[in-house]
mmCIF file of all heavy atoms, coordinates in Angstrom:
data_MODEL
# 
_entry.id   MODEL 
# 
loop_
_atom_site.group_PDB 
_atom_site.id 
_atom_site.type_symbol 
_atom_site.label_atom_id 
_atom_site.label_alt_id 
_atom_site.label_comp_id 
_atom_site.label_asym_id 
_atom_site.label_entity_id 
_atom_site.label_seq_id 
_atom_site.pdbx_PDB_ins_code 
_atom_site.Cartn_x 
_atom_site.Cartn_y 
_atom_site.Cartn_z 
_atom_site.occupancy 
_atom_site.B_iso_or_equiv 
_atom_site.pdbx_formal_charge 
_atom_site.auth_seq_id 
_atom_site.auth_comp_id 
_atom_site.auth_asym_id 
_atom_site.auth_atom_id 
_atom_site.pdbx_PDB_model_num 
ATOM 1   N N   . VAL A 1 1  ? 103.133 85.401  72.592 1.00 0.00 ? 1  VAL A N   1 
ATOM 2   C CA  . VAL A 1 1  ? 103.010 84.035  72.098 1.00 0.00 ? 1  VAL A CA  1 
ATOM 3   C C   . VAL A 1 1  ? 101.551 83.775  71.752 1.00 0.00 ? 1  VAL A C   1 
ATOM 4   O O   . VAL A 1 1  ? 100.649 84.088  72.535 1.00 0.00 ? 1  VAL A O   1 
ATOM 5   C CB  . VAL A 1 1  ? 103.459 83.008  73.179 1.00 0.00 ? 1  VAL A CB  1 
ATOM 6   C CG1 . VAL A 1 1  ? 103.303 81.592  72.685 1.00 0.00 ? 1  VAL A CG1 1 
ATOM 7   C CG2 . VAL A 1 1  ? 104.877 83.269  73.613 1.00 0.00 ? 1  VAL A CG2 1 
ATOM 8   N N   . ARG A 1 2  ? 101.307 83.206  70.580 1.00 0.00 ? 2  ARG A N   1 
ATOM 9   C CA  . ARG A 1 2  ? 99.947  82.830  70.189 1.00 0.00 ? 2  ARG A CA  1 
ATOM 10  C C   . ARG A 1 2  ? 99.711  81.396  70.654 1.00 0.00 ? 2  ARG A C   1 
ATOM 11  O O   . ARG A 1 2  ? 100.479 80.501  70.319 1.00 0.00 ? 2  ARG A O   1 
ATOM 12  C CB  . ARG A 1 2  ? 99.755  82.937  68.688 1.00 0.00 ? 2  ARG A CB  1 
ATOM 13  C CG  . ARG A 1 2  ? 98.318  82.680  68.259 1.00 0.00 ? 2  ARG A CG  1 
ATOM 14  C CD  . ARG A 1 2  ? 98.122  82.965  66.787 1.00 0.00 ? 2  ARG A CD  1 
ATOM 15  N NE  . ARG A 1 2  ? 98.463  84.336  66.440 1.00 0.00 ? 2  ARG A NE  1 
ATOM 16  C CZ  . ARG A 1 2  ? 97.611  85.351  66.465 1.00 0.00 ? 2  ARG A CZ  1 
ATOM 17  N NH1 . ARG A 1 2  ? 96.382  85.157  66.838 1.00 0.00 ? 2  ARG A NH1 1 
ATOM 18  N NH2 . ARG A 1 2  ? 98.014  86.555  66.102 1.00 0.00 ? 2  ARG A NH2 1 
ATOM 19  N N   . LEU A 1 3  ? 98.659  81.195  71.449 1.00 0.00 ? 3  LEU A N   1 
ATOM 20  C CA  . LEU A 1 3  ? 98.342  79.877  71.992 1.00 0.00 ? 3  LEU A CA  1 
ATOM 21  C C   . LEU A 1 3  ? 97.028  79.373  71.440 1.00 0.00 ? 3  LEU A C   1 
ATOM 22  O O   . LEU A 1 3  ? 96.093  80.152  71.236 1.00 0.00 ? 3  LEU A O   1 
ATOM 23  C CB  . LEU A 1 3  ? 98.243  79.944  73.519 1.00 0.00 ? 3  LEU A CB  1 
ATOM 24  C CG  . LEU A 1 3  ? 99.473  80.448  74.263 1.00 0.00 ? 3  LEU A CG  1 
ATOM 25  C CD1 . LEU A 1 3  ? 99.161  80.613  75.748 1.00 0.00 ? 3  LEU A CD1 1 
ATOM 26  C CD2 . LEU A 1 3  ? 100.652 79.526  74.055 1.00 0.00 ? 3  LEU A CD2 1 
ATOM 27  N N   . GLU A 1 4  ? 96.941  78.082  71.207 1.00 0.00 ? 4  GLU A N   1 
ATOM 28  C CA  . GLU A 1 4  ? 95.685  77.465  70.828 1.00 0.00 ? 4  GLU A CA  1 
ATOM 29  C C   . GLU A 1 4  ? 94.789  77.411  72.063 1.00 0.00 ? 4  GLU A C   1 
ATOM 30  O O   . GLU A 1 4  ? 95.277  77.493  73.198 1.00 0.00 ? 4  GLU A O   1 
ATOM 31  C CB  . GLU A 1 4  ? 95.921  76.041  70.319 1.00 0.00 ? 4  GLU A CB  1 
ATOM 32  C CG  . GLU A 1 4  ? 96.780  75.961  69.080 1.00 0.00 ? 4  GLU A CG  1 
ATOM 33  C CD  . GLU A 1 4  ? 97.078  74.529  68.682 1.00 0.00 ? 4  GLU A CD  1 
ATOM 34  O OE1 . GLU A 1 4  ? 96.474  73.598  69.269 1.00 0.00 ? 4  GLU A OE1 1 
ATOM 35  O OE2 . GLU A 1 4  ? 97.931  74.346  67.815 1.00 0.00 ? 4  GLU A OE2 1 
ATOM 36  N N   . ALA A 1 5  ? 93.501  77.250  71.874 1.00 0.00 ? 5  ALA A N   1 
ATOM 37  C CA  . ALA A 1 5  ? 92.580  77.123  72.997 1.00 0.00 ? 5  ALA A CA  1 
ATOM 38  C C   . ALA A 1 5  ? 93.013  75.911  73.839 1.00 0.00 ? 5  ALA A C   1 
ATOM 39  O O   . ALA A 1 5  ? 93.446  74.895  73.305 1.00 0.00 ? 5  ALA A O   1 
ATOM 40  C CB  . ALA A 1 5  ? 91.155  76.938  72.494 1.00 0.00 ? 5  ALA A CB  1 
ATOM 41  N N   . GLY A 1 6  ? 92.919  76.062  75.134 1.00 0.00 ? 6  GLY A N   1 
ATOM 42  C CA  . GLY A 1 6  ? 93.299  74.964  76.024 1.00 0.00 ? 6  GLY A CA  1 
ATOM 43  C C   . GLY A 1 6  ? 93.701  75.460  77.391 1.00 0.00 ? 6  GLY A C   1 
ATOM 44  O O   . GLY A 1 6  ? 93.539  76.634  77.719 1.00 0.00 ? 6  GLY A O   1 
ATOM 45  N N   . ARG A 1 7  ? 94.246  74.566  78.200 1.00 0.00 ? 7  ARG A N   1 
ATOM 46  C CA  . ARG A 1 7  ? 94.713  74.893  79.540 1.00 0.00 ? 7  ARG A CA  1 
ATOM 47  C C   . ARG A 1 7  ? 96.238  74.976  79.539 1.00 0.00 ? 7  ARG A C   1 
ATOM 48  O O   . ARG A 1 7  ? 96.906  74.135  78.920 1.00 0.00 ? 7  ARG A O   1 
ATOM 49  C CB  . ARG A 1 7  ? 94.273  73.806  80.516 1.00 0.00 ? 7  ARG A CB  1 
ATOM 50  C CG  . ARG A 1 7  ? 92.764  73.752  80.694 1.00 0.00 ? 7  ARG A CG  1 
ATOM 51  C CD  . ARG A 1 7  ? 92.330  72.650  81.634 1.00 0.00 ? 7  ARG A CD  1 
ATOM 52  N NE  . ARG A 1 7  ? 93.009  72.781  82.911 1.00 0.00 ? 7  ARG A NE  1 
ATOM 53  C CZ  . ARG A 1 7  ? 93.398  71.755  83.668 1.00 0.00 ? 7  ARG A CZ  1 
ATOM 54  N NH1 . ARG A 1 7  ? 93.157  70.525  83.267 1.00 0.00 ? 7  ARG A NH1 1 
ATOM 55  N NH2 . ARG A 1 7  ? 93.997  71.942  84.810 1.00 0.00 ? 7  ARG A NH2 1 
ATOM 56  N N   . TYR A 1 8  ? 96.745  75.985  80.255 1.00 0.00 ? 8  TYR A N   1 
ATOM 57  C CA  . TYR A 1 8  ? 98.178  76.225  80.281 1.00 0.00 ? 8  TYR A CA  1 
ATOM 58  C C   . TYR A 1 8  ? 98.631  76.534  81.704 1.00 0.00 ? 8  TYR A C   1 
ATOM 59  O O   . TYR A 1 8  ? 97.852  76.985  82.525 1.00 0.00 ? 8  TYR A O   1 
ATOM 60  C CB  . TYR A 1 8  ? 98.553  77.397  79.372 1.00 0.00 ? 8  TYR A CB  1 
ATOM 61  C CG  . TYR A 1 8  ? 98.311  77.115  77.923 1.00 0.00 ? 8  TYR A CG  1 
ATOM 62  C CD1 . TYR A 1 8  ? 97.066  77.357  77.343 1.00 0.00 ? 8  TYR A CD1 1 
ATOM 63  C CD2 . TYR A 1 8  ? 99.308  76.597  77.124 1.00 0.00 ? 8  TYR A CD2 1 
ATOM 64  C CE1 . TYR A 1 8  ? 96.831  77.088  76.011 1.00 0.00 ? 8  TYR A CE1 1 
ATOM 65  C CE2 . TYR A 1 8  ? 99.084  76.317  75.795 1.00 0.00 ? 8  TYR A CE2 1 
ATOM 66  C CZ  . TYR A 1 8  ? 97.845  76.571  75.237 1.00 0.00 ? 8  TYR A CZ  1 
ATOM 67  O OH  . TYR A 1 8  ? 97.619  76.292  73.924 1.00 0.00 ? 8  TYR A OH  1 
ATOM 68  N N   . ARG A 1 9  ? 99.918  76.318  81.928 1.00 0.00 ? 9  ARG A N   1 
ATOM 69  C CA  . ARG A 1 9  ? 100.542 76.696  83.202 1.00 0.00 ? 9  ARG A CA  1 
ATOM 70  C C   . ARG A 1 9  ? 101.782 77.511  82.835 1.00 0.00 ? 9  ARG A C   1 
ATOM 71  O O   . ARG A 1 9  ? 102.548 77.134  81.938 1.00 0.00 ? 9  ARG A O   1 
ATOM 72  C CB  . ARG A 1 9  ? 100.947 75.444  83.969 1.00 0.00 ? 9  ARG A CB  1 
ATOM 73  C CG  . ARG A 1 9  ? 101.733 75.726  85.214 1.00 0.00 ? 9  ARG A CG  1 
ATOM 74  C CD  . ARG A 1 9  ? 102.064 74.470  86.023 1.00 0.00 ? 9  ARG A CD  1 
ATOM 75  N NE  . ARG A 1 9  ? 102.359 73.288  85.211 1.00 0.00 ? 9  ARG A NE  1 
ATOM 76  C CZ  . ARG A 1 9  ? 101.803 72.098  85.414 1.00 0.00 ? 9  ARG A CZ  1 
ATOM 77  N NH1 . ARG A 1 9  ? 100.948 71.903  86.399 1.00 0.00 ? 9  ARG A NH1 1 
ATOM 78  N NH2 . ARG A 1 9  ? 102.121 71.073  84.647 1.00 0.00 ? 9  ARG A NH2 1 
ATOM 79  N N   . ALA A 1 10 ? 101.975 78.648  83.523 1.00 0.00 ? 10 ALA A N   1 
ATOM 80  C CA  . ALA A 1 10 ? 103.145 79.489  83.288 1.00 0.00 ? 10 ALA A CA  1 
ATOM 81  C C   . ALA A 1 10 ? 103.930 79.629  84.579 1.00 0.00 ? 10 ALA A C   1 
ATOM 82  O O   . ALA A 1 10 ? 103.356 79.753  85.665 1.00 0.00 ? 10 ALA A O   1 
ATOM 83  C CB  . ALA A 1 10 ? 102.724 80.855  82.786 1.00 0.00 ? 10 ALA A CB  1 
ATOM 84  N N   . ARG A 1 11 ? 105.259 79.614  84.456 1.00 0.00 ? 11 ARG A N   1 
ATOM 85  C CA  . ARG A 1 11 ? 106.138 79.808  85.604 1.00 0.00 ? 11 ARG A CA  1 
ATOM 86  C C   . ARG A 1 11 ? 107.212 80.798  85.183 1.00 0.00 ? 11 ARG A C   1 
ATOM 87  O O   . ARG A 1 11 ? 107.833 80.640  84.120 1.00 0.00 ? 11 ARG A O   1 
ATOM 88  C CB  . ARG A 1 11 ? 106.777 78.497  86.018 1.00 0.00 ? 11 ARG A CB  1 
ATOM 89  C CG  . ARG A 1 11 ? 107.741 78.670  87.156 1.00 0.00 ? 11 ARG A CG  1 
ATOM 90  C CD  . ARG A 1 11 ? 108.362 77.362  87.566 1.00 0.00 ? 11 ARG A CD  1 
ATOM 91  N NE  . ARG A 1 11 ? 109.369 77.645  88.574 1.00 0.00 ? 11 ARG A NE  1 
ATOM 92  C CZ  . ARG A 1 11 ? 110.325 76.826  88.893 1.00 0.00 ? 11 ARG A CZ  1 
ATOM 93  N NH1 . ARG A 1 11 ? 110.402 75.655  88.327 1.00 0.00 ? 11 ARG A NH1 1 
ATOM 94  N NH2 . ARG A 1 11 ? 111.202 77.166  89.795 1.00 0.00 ? 11 ARG A NH2 1 
ATOM 95  N N   . ILE A 1 12 ? 107.412 81.809  86.006 1.00 0.00 ? 12 ILE A N   1 
ATOM 96  C CA  . ILE A 1 12 ? 108.464 82.791  85.723 1.00 0.00 ? 12 ILE A CA  1 
ATOM 97  C C   . ILE A 1 12 ? 109.362 82.911  86.934 1.00 0.00 ? 12 ILE A C   1 
ATOM 98  O O   . ILE A 1 12 ? 108.885 82.852  88.072 1.00 0.00 ? 12 ILE A O   1 
ATOM 99  C CB  . ILE A 1 12 ? 107.847 84.153  85.323 1.00 0.00 ? 12 ILE A CB  1 
ATOM 100 C CG1 . ILE A 1 12 ? 108.946 85.078  84.802 1.00 0.00 ? 12 ILE A CG1 1 
ATOM 101 C CG2 . ILE A 1 12 ? 107.074 84.763  86.458 1.00 0.00 ? 12 ILE A CG2 1 
ATOM 102 C CD1 . ILE A 1 12 ? 108.418 86.257  84.046 1.00 0.00 ? 12 ILE A CD1 1 
ATOM 103 N N   . GLU A 1 13 ? 110.657 83.024  86.665 1.00 0.00 ? 13 GLU A N   1 
ATOM 104 C CA  . GLU A 1 13 ? 111.639 83.087  87.752 1.00 0.00 ? 13 GLU A CA  1 
ATOM 105 C C   . GLU A 1 13 ? 112.639 84.201  87.431 1.00 0.00 ? 13 GLU A C   1 
ATOM 106 O O   . GLU A 1 13 ? 113.199 84.228  86.331 1.00 0.00 ? 13 GLU A O   1 
ATOM 107 C CB  . GLU A 1 13 ? 112.349 81.750  87.856 1.00 0.00 ? 13 GLU A CB  1 
ATOM 108 C CG  . GLU A 1 13 ? 113.436 81.698  88.870 1.00 0.00 ? 13 GLU A CG  1 
ATOM 109 C CD  . GLU A 1 13 ? 114.155 80.346  88.866 1.00 0.00 ? 13 GLU A CD  1 
ATOM 110 O OE1 . GLU A 1 13 ? 113.885 79.501  88.002 1.00 0.00 ? 13 GLU A OE1 1 
ATOM 111 O OE2 . GLU A 1 13 ? 115.001 80.159  89.752 1.00 0.00 ? 13 GLU A OE2 1 
ATOM 112 N N   . ALA A 1 14 ? 112.848 85.114  88.378 1.00 0.00 ? 14 ALA A N   1 
ATOM 113 C CA  . ALA A 1 14 ? 113.889 86.134  88.227 1.00 0.00 ? 14 ALA A CA  1 
ATOM 114 C C   . ALA A 1 14 ? 115.242 85.449  88.379 1.00 0.00 ? 14 ALA A C   1 
ATOM 115 O O   . ALA A 1 14 ? 115.440 84.646  89.290 1.00 0.00 ? 14 ALA A O   1 
ATOM 116 C CB  . ALA A 1 14 ? 113.711 87.213  89.288 1.00 0.00 ? 14 ALA A CB  1 
ATOM 117 N N   . LEU A 1 15 ? 116.166 85.748  87.490 1.00 0.00 ? 15 LEU A N   1 
ATOM 118 C CA  . LEU A 1 15 ? 117.463 85.089  87.504 1.00 0.00 ? 15 LEU A CA  1 
ATOM 119 C C   . LEU A 1 15 ? 118.541 85.876  88.233 1.00 0.00 ? 15 LEU A C   1 
ATOM 120 O O   . LEU A 1 15 ? 119.621 85.359  88.486 1.00 0.00 ? 15 LEU A O   1 
ATOM 121 C CB  . LEU A 1 15 ? 117.920 84.806  86.068 1.00 0.00 ? 15 LEU A CB  1 
ATOM 122 C CG  . LEU A 1 15 ? 117.012 83.857  85.302 1.00 0.00 ? 15 LEU A CG  1 
ATOM 123 C CD1 . LEU A 1 15 ? 117.518 83.698  83.873 1.00 0.00 ? 15 LEU A CD1 1 
ATOM 124 C CD2 . LEU A 1 15 ? 116.945 82.503  85.985 1.00 0.00 ? 15 LEU A CD2 1 
ATOM 125 N N   . GLU A 1 16 ? 118.249 87.129  88.558 1.00 0.00 ? 16 GLU A N   1 
ATOM 126 C CA  . GLU A 1 16 ? 119.209 87.948  89.284 1.00 0.00 ? 16 GLU A CA  1 
ATOM 127 C C   . GLU A 1 16 ? 118.473 88.827  90.280 1.00 0.00 ? 16 GLU A C   1 
ATOM 128 O O   . GLU A 1 16 ? 117.311 89.172  90.077 1.00 0.00 ? 16 GLU A O   1 
ATOM 129 C CB  . GLU A 1 16 ? 119.978 88.875  88.319 1.00 0.00 ? 16 GLU A CB  1 
ATOM 130 C CG  . GLU A 1 16 ? 120.895 88.172  87.369 1.00 0.00 ? 16 GLU A CG  1 
ATOM 131 C CD  . GLU A 1 16 ? 121.618 89.140  86.453 1.00 0.00 ? 16 GLU A CD  1 
ATOM 132 O OE1 . GLU A 1 16 ? 121.629 90.360  86.742 1.00 0.00 ? 16 GLU A OE1 1 
ATOM 133 O OE2 . GLU A 1 16 ? 122.154 88.684  85.440 1.00 0.00 ? 16 GLU A OE2 1 
ATOM 134 N N   . ASN A 1 17 ? 119.165 89.202  91.344 1.00 0.00 ? 17 ASN A N   1 
ATOM 135 C CA  . ASN A 1 17 ? 118.653 90.222  92.249 1.00 0.00 ? 17 ASN A CA  1 
ATOM 136 C C   . ASN A 1 17 ? 119.016 91.563  91.653 1.00 0.00 ? 17 ASN A C   1 
ATOM 137 O O   . ASN A 1 17 ? 120.204 91.867  91.488 1.00 0.00 ? 17 ASN A O   1 
ATOM 138 C CB  . ASN A 1 17 ? 119.259 90.080  93.639 1.00 0.00 ? 17 ASN A CB  1 
ATOM 139 C CG  . ASN A 1 17 ? 118.755 88.854  94.353 1.00 0.00 ? 17 ASN A CG  1 
ATOM 140 O OD1 . ASN A 1 17 ? 117.608 88.477  94.206 1.00 0.00 ? 17 ASN A OD1 1 
ATOM 141 N ND2 . ASN A 1 17 ? 119.615 88.220  95.119 1.00 0.00 ? 17 ASN A ND2 1 
ATOM 142 N N   . ILE A 1 18 ? 118.030 92.364  91.294 1.00 0.00 ? 18 ILE A N   1 
ATOM 143 C CA  . ILE A 1 18 ? 118.258 93.667  90.693 1.00 0.00 ? 18 ILE A CA  1 
ATOM 144 C C   . ILE A 1 18 ? 118.172 94.720  91.797 1.00 0.00 ? 18 ILE A C   1 
ATOM 145 O O   . ILE A 1 18 ? 117.091 94.991  92.325 1.00 0.00 ? 18 ILE A O   1 
ATOM 146 C CB  . ILE A 1 18 ? 117.218 93.968  89.583 1.00 0.00 ? 18 ILE A CB  1 
ATOM 147 C CG1 . ILE A 1 18 ? 117.133 92.815  88.568 1.00 0.00 ? 18 ILE A CG1 1 
ATOM 148 C CG2 . ILE A 1 18 ? 117.505 95.299  88.916 1.00 0.00 ? 18 ILE A CG2 1 
ATOM 149 C CD1 . ILE A 1 18 ? 118.350 92.624  87.720 1.00 0.00 ? 18 ILE A CD1 1 
ATOM 150 N N   . ARG A 1 19 ? 119.299 95.288  92.127 1.00 0.00 ? 19 ARG A N   1 
ATOM 151 C CA  . ARG A 1 19 ? 119.383 96.252  93.229 1.00 0.00 ? 19 ARG A CA  1 
ATOM 152 C C   . ARG A 1 19 ? 118.397 97.416  93.027 1.00 0.00 ? 19 ARG A C   1 
ATOM 153 O O   . ARG A 1 19 ? 117.764 97.876  93.962 1.00 0.00 ? 19 ARG A O   1 
ATOM 154 C CB  . ARG A 1 19 ? 120.798 96.786  93.335 1.00 0.00 ? 19 ARG A CB  1 
ATOM 155 C CG  . ARG A 1 19 ? 121.035 97.723  94.487 1.00 0.00 ? 19 ARG A CG  1 
ATOM 156 C CD  . ARG A 1 19 ? 122.491 98.125  94.568 1.00 0.00 ? 19 ARG A CD  1 
ATOM 157 N NE  . ARG A 1 19 ? 123.046 98.475  93.279 1.00 0.00 ? 19 ARG A NE  1 
ATOM 158 C CZ  . ARG A 1 19 ? 123.279 99.731  92.883 1.00 0.00 ? 19 ARG A CZ  1 
ATOM 159 N NH1 . ARG A 1 19 ? 123.065 100.714 93.683 1.00 0.00 ? 19 ARG A NH1 1 
ATOM 160 N NH2 . ARG A 1 19 ? 123.753 99.967  91.687 1.00 0.00 ? 19 ARG A NH2 1 
ATOM 161 N N   . GLU A 1 20 ? 118.252 97.885  91.803 1.00 0.00 ? 20 GLU A N   1 
ATOM 162 C CA  . GLU A 1 20 ? 117.369 99.029  91.507 1.00 0.00 ? 20 GLU A CA  1 
ATOM 163 C C   . GLU A 1 20 ? 115.893 98.712  91.770 1.00 0.00 ? 20 GLU A C   1 
ATOM 164 O O   . GLU A 1 20 ? 115.085 99.621  91.903 1.00 0.00 ? 20 GLU A O   1 
ATOM 165 C CB  . GLU A 1 20 ? 117.525 99.471  90.047 1.00 0.00 ? 20 GLU A CB  1 
ATOM 166 C CG  . GLU A 1 20 ? 118.881 100.054 89.729 1.00 0.00 ? 20 GLU A CG  1 
ATOM 167 C CD  . GLU A 1 20 ? 119.926 99.011  89.354 1.00 0.00 ? 20 GLU A CD  1 
ATOM 168 O OE1 . GLU A 1 20 ? 119.676 97.795  89.521 1.00 0.00 ? 20 GLU A OE1 1 
ATOM 169 O OE2 . GLU A 1 20 ? 121.001 99.405  88.909 1.00 0.00 ? 20 GLU A OE2 1 
ATOM 170 N N   . LEU A 1 21 ? 115.534 97.447  91.860 1.00 0.00 ? 21 LEU A N   1 
ATOM 171 C CA  . LEU A 1 21 ? 114.129 97.066  92.098 1.00 0.00 ? 21 LEU A CA  1 
ATOM 172 C C   . LEU A 1 21 ? 113.855 96.730  93.569 1.00 0.00 ? 21 LEU A C   1 
ATOM 173 O O   . LEU A 1 21 ? 112.731 96.350  93.897 1.00 0.00 ? 21 LEU A O   1 
ATOM 174 C CB  . LEU A 1 21 ? 113.758 95.869  91.222 1.00 0.00 ? 21 LEU A CB  1 
ATOM 175 C CG  . LEU A 1 21 ? 113.760 96.145  89.731 1.00 0.00 ? 21 LEU A CG  1 
ATOM 176 C CD1 . LEU A 1 21 ? 113.421 94.882  88.947 1.00 0.00 ? 21 LEU A CD1 1 
ATOM 177 C CD2 . LEU A 1 21 ? 112.819 97.275  89.358 1.00 0.00 ? 21 LEU A CD2 1 
ATOM 178 N N   . THR A 1 22 ? 114.836 96.883  94.431 1.00 0.00 ? 22 THR A N   1 
ATOM 179 C CA  . THR A 1 22 ? 114.630 96.621  95.845 1.00 0.00 ? 22 THR A CA  1 
ATOM 180 C C   . THR A 1 22 ? 113.507 97.509  96.375 1.00 0.00 ? 22 THR A C   1 
ATOM 181 O O   . THR A 1 22 ? 113.554 98.718  96.232 1.00 0.00 ? 22 THR A O   1 
ATOM 182 C CB  . THR A 1 22 ? 115.927 96.871  96.645 1.00 0.00 ? 22 THR A CB  1 
ATOM 183 O OG1 . THR A 1 22 ? 116.944 96.024  96.135 1.00 0.00 ? 22 THR A OG1 1 
ATOM 184 C CG2 . THR A 1 22 ? 115.716 96.610  98.130 1.00 0.00 ? 22 THR A CG2 1 
ATOM 185 N N   . GLY A 1 23 ? 112.487 96.890  96.963 1.00 0.00 ? 23 GLY A N   1 
ATOM 186 C CA  . GLY A 1 23 ? 111.358 97.627  97.518 1.00 0.00 ? 23 GLY A CA  1 
ATOM 187 C C   . GLY A 1 23 ? 110.301 98.029  96.513 1.00 0.00 ? 23 GLY A C   1 
ATOM 188 O O   . GLY A 1 23 ? 109.291 98.623  96.869 1.00 0.00 ? 23 GLY A O   1 
ATOM 189 N N   . VAL A 1 24 ? 110.507 97.721  95.238 1.00 0.00 ? 24 VAL A N   1 
ATOM 190 C CA  . VAL A 1 24 ? 109.541 98.065  94.188 1.00 0.00 ? 24 VAL A CA  1 
ATOM 191 C C   . VAL A 1 24 ? 108.646 96.861  93.919 1.00 0.00 ? 24 VAL A C   1 
ATOM 192 O O   . VAL A 1 24 ? 109.150 95.774  93.644 1.00 0.00 ? 24 VAL A O   1 
ATOM 193 C CB  . VAL A 1 24 ? 110.272 98.482  92.882 1.00 0.00 ? 24 VAL A CB  1 
ATOM 194 C CG1 . VAL A 1 24 ? 109.283 98.732  91.758 1.00 0.00 ? 24 VAL A CG1 1 
ATOM 195 C CG2 . VAL A 1 24 ? 111.145 99.701  93.133 1.00 0.00 ? 24 VAL A CG2 1 
ATOM 196 N N   . PRO A 1 25 ? 107.316 97.038  94.008 1.00 0.00 ? 25 PRO A N   1 
ATOM 197 C CA  . PRO A 1 25 ? 106.445 95.901  93.684 1.00 0.00 ? 25 PRO A CA  1 
ATOM 198 C C   . PRO A 1 25 ? 106.553 95.547  92.193 1.00 0.00 ? 25 PRO A C   1 
ATOM 199 O O   . PRO A 1 25 ? 106.548 96.430  91.346 1.00 0.00 ? 25 PRO A O   1 
ATOM 200 C CB  . PRO A 1 25 ? 105.039 96.388  94.028 1.00 0.00 ? 25 PRO A CB  1 
ATOM 201 C CG  . PRO A 1 25 ? 105.150 97.818  94.405 1.00 0.00 ? 25 PRO A CG  1 
ATOM 202 C CD  . PRO A 1 25 ? 106.591 98.205  94.404 1.00 0.00 ? 25 PRO A CD  1 
ATOM 203 N N   . VAL A 1 26 ? 106.682 94.261  91.909 1.00 0.00 ? 26 VAL A N   1 
ATOM 204 C CA  . VAL A 1 26 ? 106.772 93.791  90.528 1.00 0.00 ? 26 VAL A CA  1 
ATOM 205 C C   . VAL A 1 26 ? 105.600 92.857  90.300 1.00 0.00 ? 26 VAL A C   1 
ATOM 206 O O   . VAL A 1 26 ? 105.320 91.982  91.119 1.00 0.00 ? 26 VAL A O   1 
ATOM 207 C CB  . VAL A 1 26 ? 108.116 93.049  90.297 1.00 0.00 ? 26 VAL A CB  1 
ATOM 208 C CG1 . VAL A 1 26 ? 108.179 92.485  88.890 1.00 0.00 ? 26 VAL A CG1 1 
ATOM 209 C CG2 . VAL A 1 26 ? 109.286 93.987  90.554 1.00 0.00 ? 26 VAL A CG2 1 
ATOM 210 N N   . ARG A 1 27 ? 104.910 93.051  89.184 1.00 0.00 ? 27 ARG A N   1 
ATOM 211 C CA  . ARG A 1 27 ? 103.725 92.246  88.867 1.00 0.00 ? 27 ARG A CA  1 
ATOM 212 C C   . ARG A 1 27 ? 103.874 91.620  87.492 1.00 0.00 ? 27 ARG A C   1 
ATOM 213 O O   . ARG A 1 27 ? 104.468 92.211  86.604 1.00 0.00 ? 27 ARG A O   1 
ATOM 214 C CB  . ARG A 1 27 ? 102.479 93.114  88.910 1.00 0.00 ? 27 ARG A CB  1 
ATOM 215 C CG  . ARG A 1 27 ? 102.183 93.635  90.285 1.00 0.00 ? 27 ARG A CG  1 
ATOM 216 C CD  . ARG A 1 27 ? 100.955 94.552  90.251 1.00 0.00 ? 27 ARG A CD  1 
ATOM 217 N NE  . ARG A 1 27 ? 100.696 95.096  91.569 1.00 0.00 ? 27 ARG A NE  1 
ATOM 218 C CZ  . ARG A 1 27 ? 101.254 96.205  92.041 1.00 0.00 ? 27 ARG A CZ  1 
ATOM 219 N NH1 . ARG A 1 27 ? 102.111 96.880  91.317 1.00 0.00 ? 27 ARG A NH1 1 
ATOM 220 N NH2 . ARG A 1 27 ? 100.958 96.631  93.252 1.00 0.00 ? 27 ARG A NH2 1 
ATOM 221 N N   . LEU A 1 28 ? 103.261 90.463  87.312 1.00 0.00 ? 28 LEU A N   1 
ATOM 222 C CA  . LEU A 1 28 ? 103.209 89.783  86.021 1.00 0.00 ? 28 LEU A CA  1 
ATOM 223 C C   . LEU A 1 28 ? 101.764 89.778  85.579 1.00 0.00 ? 28 LEU A C   1 
ATOM 224 O O   . LEU A 1 28 ? 100.869 89.400  86.340 1.00 0.00 ? 28 LEU A O   1 
ATOM 225 C CB  . LEU A 1 28 ? 103.742 88.349  86.138 1.00 0.00 ? 28 LEU A CB  1 
ATOM 226 C CG  . LEU A 1 28 ? 103.607 87.508  84.883 1.00 0.00 ? 28 LEU A CG  1 
ATOM 227 C CD1 . LEU A 1 28 ? 104.509 88.050  83.776 1.00 0.00 ? 28 LEU A CD1 1 
ATOM 228 C CD2 . LEU A 1 28 ? 103.937 86.061  85.189 1.00 0.00 ? 28 LEU A CD2 1 
ATOM 229 N N   . TRP A 1 29 ? 101.528 90.188  84.349 1.00 0.00 ? 29 TRP A N   1 
ATOM 230 C CA  . TRP A 1 29 ? 100.178 90.176  83.792 1.00 0.00 ? 29 TRP A CA  1 
ATOM 231 C C   . TRP A 1 29 ? 100.199 89.328  82.534 1.00 0.00 ? 29 TRP A C   1 
ATOM 232 O O   . TRP A 1 29 ? 101.087 89.473  81.693 1.00 0.00 ? 29 TRP A O   1 
ATOM 233 C CB  . TRP A 1 29 ? 99.721  91.595  83.462 1.00 0.00 ? 29 TRP A CB  1 
ATOM 234 C CG  . TRP A 1 29 ? 98.384  91.671  82.841 1.00 0.00 ? 29 TRP A CG  1 
ATOM 235 C CD1 . TRP A 1 29 ? 97.195  91.486  83.451 1.00 0.00 ? 29 TRP A CD1 1 
ATOM 236 C CD2 . TRP A 1 29 ? 98.085  91.942  81.474 1.00 0.00 ? 29 TRP A CD2 1 
ATOM 237 N NE1 . TRP A 1 29 ? 96.164  91.634  82.561 1.00 0.00 ? 29 TRP A NE1 1 
ATOM 238 C CE2 . TRP A 1 29 ? 96.692  91.911  81.326 1.00 0.00 ? 29 TRP A CE2 1 
ATOM 239 C CE3 . TRP A 1 29 ? 98.855  92.212  80.358 1.00 0.00 ? 29 TRP A CE3 1 
ATOM 240 C CZ2 . TRP A 1 29 ? 96.049  92.137  80.114 1.00 0.00 ? 29 TRP A CZ2 1 
ATOM 241 C CZ3 . TRP A 1 29 ? 98.223  92.436  79.152 1.00 0.00 ? 29 TRP A CZ3 1 
ATOM 242 C CH2 . TRP A 1 29 ? 96.837  92.392  79.051 1.00 0.00 ? 29 TRP A CH2 1 
ATOM 243 N N   . ILE A 1 30 ? 99.257  88.418  82.417 1.00 0.00 ? 30 ILE A N   1 
ATOM 244 C CA  . ILE A 1 30 ? 99.122  87.595  81.229 1.00 0.00 ? 30 ILE A CA  1 
ATOM 245 C C   . ILE A 1 30 ? 97.845  88.045  80.538 1.00 0.00 ? 30 ILE A C   1 
ATOM 246 O O   . ILE A 1 30 ? 96.758  87.950  81.107 1.00 0.00 ? 30 ILE A O   1 
ATOM 247 C CB  . ILE A 1 30 ? 99.053  86.090  81.587 1.00 0.00 ? 30 ILE A CB  1 
ATOM 248 C CG1 . ILE A 1 30 ? 100.352 85.679  82.271 1.00 0.00 ? 30 ILE A CG1 1 
ATOM 249 C CG2 . ILE A 1 30 ? 98.788  85.264  80.343 1.00 0.00 ? 30 ILE A CG2 1 
ATOM 250 C CD1 . ILE A 1 30 ? 100.358 84.276  82.802 1.00 0.00 ? 30 ILE A CD1 1 
# 
């Protein structure tokens, strides 16, 4: 997403429990 200069807030939510990711660290990078 292209954003104009300014202040922003982002929120991300997993919608399902993914069995294959159990015990795997997950990171979000902006």
